[in-house]
Amino acid sequence: MKKAFMCSLLYNGILGGGLYLDKQSVTFVCKKLTVDKKYKTIVLPLNEINEMTWKWMFFPVATFCMRNGEKYRMLIFNKCRFEKWFREYCLNKQ
């Protein structure tokens, strides 16, 4: 079952979009026309995420550190709900 969240990717500014979480991945989708194609849809497989950390910058910002060394910072609204489902999906993968 897919969960949806309001989100913004922090990359050269703030790129608004949606964040979708399911049992396989965290997916960021941005519908803006001026966004580089690389950042229109970002799929982060749960088994490729090394860690997720939080920082507060007026709003909660999650940093996803991937196994390949890439990092994605996202401002995620409704942090508590996201953490609950992220934890549940990650625990079910083990």
PDB file of N, CA and C in Angstrom:
ATOM      1  N   MET A   1       0.841  -1.178   0.000  1.00  0.00           N
ATOM      2  CA  MET A   1       0.000   0.000   0.000  1.00  0.00           C
ATOM      3  C   MET A   1       0.887   1.243   0.000  1.00  0.00           C
ATOM      4  N   LYS A   2       0.654   2.141  -0.921  1.00  0.00           N
ATOM      5  CA  LYS A   2       1.466   3.331  -1.091  1.00  0.00           C
ATOM      6  C   LYS A   2       0.959   4.461  -0.192  1.00  0.00           C
ATOM      7  N   LYS A   3       1.875   5.142   0.500  1.00  0.00           N
ATOM      8  CA  LYS A   3       1.564   6.294   1.348  1.00  0.00           C
ATOM      9  C   LYS A   3       2.077   7.546   0.666  1.00  0.00           C
ATOM     10  N   ALA A   4       1.316   8.643   0.708  1.00  0.00           N
ATOM     11  CA  ALA A   4       1.711   9.883   0.041  1.00  0.00           C
ATOM     12  C   ALA A   4       1.956  10.986   1.071  1.00  0.00           C
ATOM     13  N   PHE A   5       2.957  11.823   0.781  1.00  0.00           N
ATOM     14  CA  PHE A   5       3.339  12.920   1.658  1.00  0.00           C
ATOM     15  C   PHE A   5       3.668  14.147   0.822  1.00  0.00           C
ATOM     16  N   MET A   6       3.400  15.327   1.371  1.00  0.00           N
ATOM     17  CA  MET A   6       3.867  16.560   0.735  1.00  0.00           C
ATOM     18  C   MET A   6       5.349  16.675   1.048  1.00  0.00           C
ATOM     19  N   CYS A   7       6.121  17.092   0.060  1.00  0.00           N
ATOM     20  CA  CYS A   7       7.569  17.075   0.219  1.00  0.00           C
ATOM     21  C   CYS A   7       8.211  18.097  -0.702  1.00  0.00           C
ATOM     22  N   SER A   8       9.415  18.513  -0.346  1.00  0.00           N
ATOM     23  CA  SER A   8      10.237  19.345  -1.223  1.00  0.00           C
ATOM     24  C   SER A   8      11.653  18.804  -1.202  1.00  0.00           C
ATOM     25  N   LEU A   9      12.230  18.662  -2.380  1.00  0.00           N
ATOM     26  CA  LEU A   9      13.619  18.243  -2.501  1.00  0.00           C
ATOM     27  C   LEU A   9      14.483  19.483  -2.350  1.00  0.00           C
ATOM     28  N   LEU A  10      15.502  19.411  -1.516  1.00  0.00           N
ATOM     29  CA  LEU A  10      16.415  20.532  -1.340  1.00  0.00           C
ATOM     30  C   LEU A  10      17.603  20.326  -2.260  1.00  0.00           C
ATOM     31  N   TYR A  11      17.547  21.001  -3.415  1.00  0.00           N
ATOM     32  CA  TYR A  11      18.620  20.914  -4.398  1.00  0.00           C
ATOM     33  C   TYR A  11      18.602  22.213  -5.195  1.00  0.00           C
ATOM     34  N   ASN A  12      19.639  23.018  -5.041  1.00  0.00           N
ATOM     35  CA  ASN A  12      19.681  24.337  -5.704  1.00  0.00           C
ATOM     36  C   ASN A  12      18.389  25.107  -5.453  1.00  0.00           C
ATOM     37  N   GLY A  13      17.940  25.090  -4.230  1.00  0.00           N
ATOM     38  CA  GLY A  13      16.670  25.698  -3.864  1.00  0.00           C
ATOM     39  C   GLY A  13      15.716  24.621  -3.399  1.00  0.00           C
ATOM     40  N   ILE A  14      14.450  24.944  -3.470  1.00  0.00           N
ATOM     41  CA  ILE A  14      13.419  24.006  -3.008  1.00  0.00           C
ATOM     42  C   ILE A  14      12.560  23.596  -4.200  1.00  0.00           C
ATOM     43  N   LEU A  15      12.509  22.302  -4.458  1.00  0.00           N
ATOM     44  CA  LEU A  15      11.683  21.757  -5.530  1.00  0.00           C
ATOM     45  C   LEU A  15      10.495  21.038  -4.913  1.00  0.00           C
ATOM     46  N   GLY A  16       9.327  21.624  -5.007  1.00  0.00           N
ATOM     47  CA  GLY A  16       8.132  21.026  -4.415  1.00  0.00           C
ATOM     48  C   GLY A  16       7.672  19.817  -5.201  1.00  0.00           C
ATOM     49  N   GLY A  17       7.071  18.903  -4.497  1.00  0.00           N
ATOM     50  CA  GLY A  17       6.562  17.704  -5.152  1.00  0.00           C
ATOM     51  C   GLY A  17       5.876  16.790  -4.162  1.00  0.00           C
ATOM     52  N   GLY A  18       5.747  15.570  -4.545  1.00  0.00           N
ATOM     53  CA  GLY A  18       5.133  14.565  -3.701  1.00  0.00           C
ATOM     54  C   GLY A  18       6.127  13.468  -3.381  1.00  0.00           C
ATOM     55  N   LEU A  19       5.935  12.868  -2.235  1.00  0.00           N
ATOM     56  CA  LEU A  19       6.787  11.761  -1.810  1.00  0.00           C
ATOM     57  C   LEU A  19       5.885  10.563  -1.592  1.00  0.00           C
ATOM     58  N   TYR A  20       6.242   9.461  -2.196  1.00  0.00           N
ATOM     59  CA  TYR A  20       5.452   8.237  -2.087  1.00  0.00           C
ATOM     60  C   TYR A  20       6.302   7.158  -1.452  1.00  0.00           C
ATOM     61  N   LEU A  21       5.732   6.494  -0.474  1.00  0.00           N
ATOM     62  CA  LEU A  21       6.429   5.452   0.270  1.00  0.00           C
ATOM     63  C   LEU A  21       5.648   4.166   0.141  1.00  0.00           C
ATOM     64  N   ASP A  22       6.329   3.109  -0.265  1.00  0.00           N
ATOM     65  CA  ASP A  22       5.714   1.786  -0.283  1.00  0.00           C
ATOM     66  C   ASP A  22       6.726   0.774   0.234  1.00  0.00           C
ATOM     67  N   LYS A  23       6.411  -0.484   0.138  1.00  0.00           N
ATOM     68  CA  LYS A  23       7.272  -1.520   0.719  1.00  0.00           C
ATOM     69  C   LYS A  23       8.593  -1.702  -0.020  1.00  0.00           C
ATOM     70  N   GLN A  24       8.729  -1.128  -1.219  1.00  0.00           N
ATOM     71  CA  GLN A  24       9.963  -1.269  -1.982  1.00  0.00           C
ATOM     72  C   GLN A  24      10.825  -0.012  -2.001  1.00  0.00           C
ATOM     73  N   SER A  25      10.209   1.183  -1.984  1.00  0.00           N
ATOM     74  CA  SER A  25      10.996   2.391  -2.210  1.00  0.00           C
ATOM     75  C   SER A  25      10.343   3.660  -1.668  1.00  0.00           C
ATOM     76  N   VAL A  26      11.166   4.696  -1.637  1.00  0.00           N
ATOM     77  CA  VAL A  26      10.725   6.065  -1.384  1.00  0.00           C
ATOM     78  C   VAL A  26      10.868   6.754  -2.735  1.00  0.00           C
ATOM     79  N   THR A  27       9.784   7.347  -3.248  1.00  0.00           N
ATOM     80  CA  THR A  27       9.806   7.953  -4.574  1.00  0.00           C
ATOM     81  C   THR A  27       9.402   9.419  -4.492  1.00  0.00           C
ATOM     82  N   PHE A  28      10.272  10.299  -4.992  1.00  0.00           N
ATOM     83  CA  PHE A  28       9.980  11.732  -5.069  1.00  0.00           C
ATOM     84  C   PHE A  28       9.568  12.045  -6.496  1.00  0.00           C
ATOM     85  N   VAL A  29       8.452  12.793  -6.654  1.00  0.00           N
ATOM     86  CA  VAL A  29       7.967  13.165  -7.978  1.00  0.00           C
ATOM     87  C   VAL A  29       7.717  14.668  -8.002  1.00  0.00           C
ATOM     88  N   CYS A  30       8.303  15.338  -9.001  1.00  0.00           N
ATOM     89  CA  CYS A  30       8.135  16.776  -9.193  1.00  0.00           C
ATOM     90  C   CYS A  30       7.549  17.005 -10.581  1.00  0.00           C
ATOM     91  N   LYS A  31       6.483  17.753 -10.691  1.00  0.00           N
ATOM     92  CA  LYS A  31       5.802  17.976 -11.972  1.00  0.00           C
ATOM     93  C   LYS A  31       6.200  19.293 -12.637  1.00  0.00           C
ATOM     94  N   LYS A  32       7.150  20.041 -12.050  1.00  0.00           N
ATOM     95  CA  LYS A  32       7.537  21.326 -12.629  1.00  0.00           C
ATOM     96  C   LYS A  32       8.251  21.126 -13.961  1.00  0.00           C
ATOM     97  N   LEU A  33       7.965  21.993 -14.917  1.00  0.00           N
ATOM     98  CA  LEU A  33       8.548  21.872 -16.251  1.00  0.00           C
ATOM     99  C   LEU A  33      10.021  22.260 -16.297  1.00  0.00           C
ATOM    100  N   THR A  34      10.452  23.144 -15.405  1.00  0.00           N
ATOM    101  CA  THR A  34      11.809  23.676 -15.475  1.00  0.00           C
ATOM    102  C   THR A  34      12.834  22.837 -14.717  1.00  0.00           C
ATOM    103  N   VAL A  35      12.420  21.753 -14.135  1.00  0.00           N
ATOM    104  CA  VAL A  35      13.308  20.914 -13.332  1.00  0.00           C
ATOM    105  C   VAL A  35      14.122  19.981 -14.225  1.00  0.00           C
ATOM    106  N   ASP A  36      15.399  19.827 -13.895  1.00  0.00           N
ATOM    107  CA  ASP A  36      16.272  18.884 -14.595  1.00  0.00           C
ATOM    108  C   ASP A  36      15.640  17.490 -14.533  1.00  0.00           C
ATOM    109  N   LYS A  37      15.660  16.768 -15.640  1.00  0.00           N
ATOM    110  CA  LYS A  37      15.012  15.438 -15.711  1.00  0.00           C
ATOM    111  C   LYS A  37      15.486  14.487 -14.614  1.00  0.00           C
ATOM    112  N   LYS A  38      16.752  14.636 -14.209  1.00  0.00           N
ATOM    113  CA  LYS A  38      17.302  13.773 -13.165  1.00  0.00           C
ATOM    114  C   LYS A  38      16.524  13.901 -11.852  1.00  0.00           C
ATOM    115  N   TYR A  39      15.923  15.070 -11.630  1.00  0.00           N
ATOM    116  CA  TYR A  39      15.244  15.326 -10.359  1.00  0.00           C
ATOM    117  C   TYR A  39      13.722  15.320 -10.473  1.00  0.00           C
ATOM    118  N   LYS A  40      13.171  15.007 -11.647  1.00  0.00           N
ATOM    119  CA  LYS A  40      11.712  14.936 -11.791  1.00  0.00           C
ATOM    120  C   LYS A  40      11.140  13.735 -11.040  1.00  0.00           C
ATOM    121  N   THR A  41      11.816  12.613 -11.149  1.00  0.00           N
ATOM    122  CA  THR A  41      11.406  11.400 -10.433  1.00  0.00           C
ATOM    123  C   THR A  41      12.655  10.748  -9.865  1.00  0.00           C
ATOM    124  N   ILE A  42      12.685  10.635  -8.545  1.00  0.00           N
ATOM    125  CA  ILE A  42      13.817  10.000  -7.865  1.00  0.00           C
ATOM    126  C   ILE A  42      13.277   8.808  -7.090  1.00  0.00           C
ATOM    127  N   VAL A  43      13.788   7.636  -7.407  1.00  0.00           N
ATOM    128  CA  VAL A  43      13.371   6.410  -6.723  1.00  0.00           C
ATOM    129  C   VAL A  43      14.521   5.945  -5.835  1.00  0.00           C
ATOM    130  N   LEU A  44      14.252   5.853  -4.542  1.00  0.00           N
ATOM    131  CA  LEU A  44      15.244   5.387  -3.572  1.00  0.00           C
ATOM    132  C   LEU A  44      14.773   4.035  -3.025  1.00  0.00           C
ATOM    133  N   PRO A  45      15.320   2.931  -3.541  1.00  0.00           N
ATOM    134  CA  PRO A  45      14.926   1.609  -3.027  1.00  0.00           C
ATOM    135  C   PRO A  45      15.272   1.499  -1.533  1.00  0.00           C
ATOM    136  N   LEU A  46      14.365   0.949  -0.754  1.00  0.00           N
ATOM    137  CA  LEU A  46      14.589   0.835   0.696  1.00  0.00           C
ATOM    138  C   LEU A  46      15.851   0.041   1.014  1.00  0.00           C
ATOM    139  N   ASN A  47      16.154  -0.983   0.221  1.00  0.00           N
ATOM    140  CA  ASN A  47      17.339  -1.795   0.514  1.00  0.00           C
ATOM    141  C   ASN A  47      18.644  -1.099   0.116  1.00  0.00           C
ATOM    142  N   GLU A  48      18.566   0.064  -0.559  1.00  0.00           N
ATOM    143  CA  GLU A  48      19.757   0.833  -0.927  1.00  0.00           C
ATOM    144  C   GLU A  48      19.999   2.022   0.012  1.00  0.00           C
ATOM    145  N   ILE A  49      19.075   2.259   0.941  1.00  0.00           N
ATOM    146  CA  ILE A  49      19.222   3.374   1.879  1.00  0.00           C
ATOM    147  C   ILE A  49      20.055   2.904   3.064  1.00  0.00           C
ATOM    148  N   ASN A  50      21.229   3.533   3.251  1.00  0.00           N
ATOM    149  CA  ASN A  50      22.090   3.214   4.397  1.00  0.00           C
ATOM    150  C   ASN A  50      21.491   3.745   5.691  1.00  0.00           C
ATOM    151  N   GLU A  51      21.111   5.022   5.660  1.00  0.00           N
ATOM    152  CA  GLU A  51      20.507   5.625   6.846  1.00  0.00           C
ATOM    153  C   GLU A  51      19.681   6.832   6.454  1.00  0.00           C
ATOM    154  N   MET A  52      18.779   7.198   7.348  1.00  0.00           N
ATOM    155  CA  MET A  52      17.986   8.395   7.199  1.00  0.00           C
ATOM    156  C   MET A  52      18.134   9.189   8.494  1.00  0.00           C
ATOM    157  N   THR A  53      18.519  10.454   8.380  1.00  0.00           N
ATOM    158  CA  THR A  53      18.668  11.308   9.556  1.00  0.00           C
ATOM    159  C   THR A  53      17.764  12.520   9.400  1.00  0.00           C
ATOM    160  N   TRP A  54      17.442  13.144  10.527  1.00  0.00           N
ATOM    161  CA  TRP A  54      16.573  14.312  10.539  1.00  0.00           C
ATOM    162  C   TRP A  54      17.304  15.529  11.067  1.00  0.00           C
ATOM    163  N   LYS A  55      16.942  16.680  10.534  1.00  0.00           N
ATOM    164  CA  LYS A  55      17.446  17.962  10.999  1.00  0.00           C
ATOM    165  C   LYS A  55      16.289  18.950  10.882  1.00  0.00           C
ATOM    166  N   TRP A  56      16.243  19.923  11.783  1.00  0.00           N
ATOM    167  CA  TRP A  56      15.176  20.917  11.722  1.00  0.00           C
ATOM    168  C   TRP A  56      15.693  22.208  11.109  1.00  0.00           C
ATOM    169  N   MET A  57      15.044  22.670  10.037  1.00  0.00           N
ATOM    170  CA  MET A  57      15.327  23.952   9.406  1.00  0.00           C
ATOM    171  C   MET A  57      13.962  24.622   9.178  1.00  0.00           C
ATOM    172  N   PHE A  58      13.341  25.067  10.237  1.00  0.00           N
ATOM    173  CA  PHE A  58      11.969  25.573  10.243  1.00  0.00           C
ATOM    174  C   PHE A  58      10.972  24.435  10.044  1.00  0.00           C
ATOM    175  N   PHE A  59      11.325  23.462   9.269  1.00  0.00           N
ATOM    176  CA  PHE A  59      10.527  22.268   9.032  1.00  0.00           C
ATOM    177  C   PHE A  59      11.467  21.069   9.110  1.00  0.00           C
ATOM    178  N   PRO A  60      10.933  19.870   9.303  1.00  0.00           N
ATOM    179  CA  PRO A  60      11.806  18.693   9.368  1.00  0.00           C
ATOM    180  C   PRO A  60      12.408  18.347   8.006  1.00  0.00           C
ATOM    181  N   VAL A  61      13.724  18.196   7.985  1.00  0.00           N
ATOM    182  CA  VAL A  61      14.436  17.835   6.758  1.00  0.00           C
ATOM    183  C   VAL A  61      15.069  16.466   6.965  1.00  0.00           C
ATOM    184  N   ALA A  62      14.722  15.530   6.081  1.00  0.00           N
ATOM    185  CA  ALA A  62      15.290  14.185   6.135  1.00  0.00           C
ATOM    186  C   ALA A  62      16.427  14.093   5.127  1.00  0.00           C
ATOM    187  N   THR A  63      17.516  13.470   5.540  1.00  0.00           N
ATOM    188  CA  THR A  63      18.630  13.206   4.632  1.00  0.00           C
ATOM    189  C   THR A  63      18.715  11.703   4.438  1.00  0.00           C
ATOM    190  N   PHE A  64      18.580  11.291   3.187  1.00  0.00           N
ATOM    191  CA  PHE A  64      18.699   9.877   2.835  1.00  0.00           C
ATOM    192  C   PHE A  64      20.106   9.649   2.316  1.00  0.00           C
ATOM    193  N   CYS A  65      20.875   8.824   3.009  1.00  0.00           N
ATOM    194  CA  CYS A  65      22.239   8.465   2.585  1.00  0.00           C
ATOM    195  C   CYS A  65      22.160   7.096   1.929  1.00  0.00           C
ATOM    196  N   MET A  66      22.557   7.058   0.662  1.00  0.00           N
ATOM    197  CA  MET A  66      22.452   5.839  -0.117  1.00  0.00           C
ATOM    198  C   MET A  66      23.752   5.041  -0.062  1.00  0.00           C
ATOM    199  N   ARG A  67      23.680   3.777  -0.380  1.00  0.00           N
ATOM    200  CA  ARG A  67      24.879   2.912  -0.387  1.00  0.00           C
ATOM    201  C   ARG A  67      25.918   3.353  -1.405  1.00  0.00           C
ATOM    202  N   ASN A  68      25.488   3.986  -2.485  1.00  0.00           N
ATOM    203  CA  ASN A  68      26.425   4.437  -3.519  1.00  0.00           C
ATOM    204  C   ASN A  68      27.059   5.788  -3.181  1.00  0.00           C
ATOM    205  N   GLY A  69      26.770   6.341  -1.996  1.00  0.00           N
ATOM    206  CA  GLY A  69      27.371   7.592  -1.554  1.00  0.00           C
ATOM    207  C   GLY A  69      26.532   8.825  -1.814  1.00  0.00           C
ATOM    208  N   GLU A  70      25.500   8.720  -2.614  1.00  0.00           N
ATOM    209  CA  GLU A  70      24.642   9.870  -2.875  1.00  0.00           C
ATOM    210  C   GLU A  70      23.817  10.216  -1.648  1.00  0.00           C
ATOM    211  N   LYS A  71      23.486  11.509  -1.522  1.00  0.00           N
ATOM    212  CA  LYS A  71      22.646  11.979  -0.430  1.00  0.00           C
ATOM    213  C   LYS A  71      21.520  12.825  -1.009  1.00  0.00           C
ATOM    214  N   TYR A  72      20.335  12.649  -0.484  1.00  0.00           N
ATOM    215  CA  TYR A  72      19.166  13.411  -0.897  1.00  0.00           C
ATOM    216  C   TYR A  72      18.548  14.034   0.348  1.00  0.00           C
ATOM    217  N   ARG A  73      18.383  15.361   0.311  1.00  0.00           N
ATOM    218  CA  ARG A  73      17.760  16.059   1.435  1.00  0.00           C
ATOM    219  C   ARG A  73      16.352  16.476   1.025  1.00  0.00           C
ATOM    220  N   MET A  74      15.394  16.119   1.876  1.00  0.00           N
ATOM    221  CA  MET A  74      13.998  16.409   1.565  1.00  0.00           C
ATOM    222  C   MET A  74      13.287  16.977   2.774  1.00  0.00           C
ATOM    223  N   LEU A  75      12.558  18.043   2.524  1.00  0.00           N
ATOM    224  CA  LEU A  75      11.711  18.637   3.542  1.00  0.00           C
ATOM    225  C   LEU A  75      10.398  17.853   3.483  1.00  0.00           C
ATOM    226  N   ILE A  76      10.096  17.116   4.543  1.00  0.00           N
ATOM    227  CA  ILE A  76       8.924  16.236   4.555  1.00  0.00           C
ATOM    228  C   ILE A  76       7.934  16.733   5.594  1.00  0.00           C
ATOM    229  N   PHE A  77       6.736  17.027   5.128  1.00  0.00           N
ATOM    230  CA  PHE A  77       5.691  17.446   6.046  1.00  0.00           C
ATOM    231  C   PHE A  77       5.073  16.202   6.682  1.00  0.00           C
ATOM    232  N   ASN A  78       4.629  16.324   7.914  1.00  0.00           N
ATOM    233  CA  ASN A  78       4.072  15.225   8.705  1.00  0.00           C
ATOM    234  C   ASN A  78       5.144  14.168   8.994  1.00  0.00           C
ATOM    235  N   LYS A  79       6.198  14.627   9.654  1.00  0.00           N
ATOM    236  CA  LYS A  79       7.348  13.779   9.994  1.00  0.00           C
ATOM    237  C   LYS A  79       6.945  12.525  10.774  1.00  0.00           C
ATOM    238  N   CYS A  80       6.077  12.682  11.754  1.00  0.00           N
ATOM    239  CA  CYS A  80       5.694  11.533  12.601  1.00  0.00           C
ATOM    240  C   CYS A  80       5.051  10.423  11.777  1.00  0.00           C
ATOM    241  N   ARG A  81       4.148  10.790  10.881  1.00  0.00           N
ATOM    242  CA  ARG A  81       3.480   9.785  10.048  1.00  0.00           C
ATOM    243  C   ARG A  81       4.494   9.125   9.101  1.00  0.00           C
ATOM    244  N   PHE A  82       5.380   9.934   8.501  1.00  0.00           N
ATOM    245  CA  PHE A  82       6.382   9.369   7.603  1.00  0.00           C
ATOM    246  C   PHE A  82       7.283   8.396   8.342  1.00  0.00           C
ATOM    247  N   GLU A  83       7.793   8.795   9.519  1.00  0.00           N
ATOM    248  CA  GLU A  83       8.683   7.919  10.299  1.00  0.00           C
ATOM    249  C   GLU A  83       8.007   6.609  10.648  1.00  0.00           C
ATOM    250  N   LYS A  84       6.737   6.689  11.042  1.00  0.00           N
ATOM    251  CA  LYS A  84       5.999   5.477  11.423  1.00  0.00           C
ATOM    252  C   LYS A  84       5.979   4.477  10.266  1.00  0.00           C
ATOM    253  N   TRP A  85       5.593   4.948   9.080  1.00  0.00           N
ATOM    254  CA  TRP A  85       5.490   4.038   7.941  1.00  0.00           C
ATOM    255  C   TRP A  85       6.852   3.628   7.416  1.00  0.00           C
ATOM    256  N   PHE A  86       7.816   4.531   7.421  1.00  0.00           N
ATOM    257  CA  PHE A  86       9.171   4.197   6.969  1.00  0.00           C
ATOM    258  C   PHE A  86       9.742   3.089   7.846  1.00  0.00           C
ATOM    259  N   ARG A  87       9.607   3.243   9.153  1.00  0.00           N
ATOM    260  CA  ARG A  87      10.104   2.231  10.092  1.00  0.00           C
ATOM    261  C   ARG A  87       9.406   0.893   9.864  1.00  0.00           C
ATOM    262  N   GLU A  88       8.081   0.940   9.696  1.00  0.00           N
ATOM    263  CA  GLU A  88       7.327  -0.300   9.508  1.00  0.00           C
ATOM    264  C   GLU A  88       7.743  -1.010   8.219  1.00  0.00           C
ATOM    265  N   TYR A  89       7.885  -0.269   7.137  1.00  0.00           N
ATOM    266  CA  TYR A  89       8.275  -0.885   5.870  1.00  0.00           C
ATOM    267  C   TYR A  89       9.708  -1.413   5.923  1.00  0.00           C
ATOM    268  N   CYS A  90      10.595  -0.691   6.594  1.00  0.00           N
ATOM    269  CA  CYS A  90      11.979  -1.150   6.693  1.00  0.00           C
ATOM    270  C   CYS A  90      12.097  -2.387   7.578  1.00  0.00           C
ATOM    271  N   LEU A  91      11.325  -2.461   8.637  1.00  0.00           N
ATOM    272  CA  LEU A  91      11.369  -3.624   9.517  1.00  0.00           C
ATOM    273  C   LEU A  91      10.806  -4.854   8.799  1.00  0.00           C
ATOM    274  N   ASN A  92       9.795  -4.655   7.948  1.00  0.00           N
ATOM    275  CA  ASN A  92       9.222  -5.775   7.223  1.00  0.00           C
ATOM    276  C   ASN A  92      10.155  -6.301   6.134  1.00  0.00           C
ATOM    277  N   LYS A  93      11.154  -5.504   5.714  1.00  0.00           N
ATOM    278  CA  LYS A  93      12.109  -5.948   4.701  1.00  0.00           C
ATOM    279  C   LYS A  93      13.137  -6.921   5.273  1.00  0.00           C
ATOM    280  N   GLN A  94      13.350  -6.856   6.593  1.00  0.00           N
ATOM    281  CA  GLN A  94      14.385  -7.686   7.215  1.00  0.00           C
ATOM    282  C   GLN A  94      13.914  -9.089   7.475  1.00  0.00           C
TER     283      GLN A  94
END
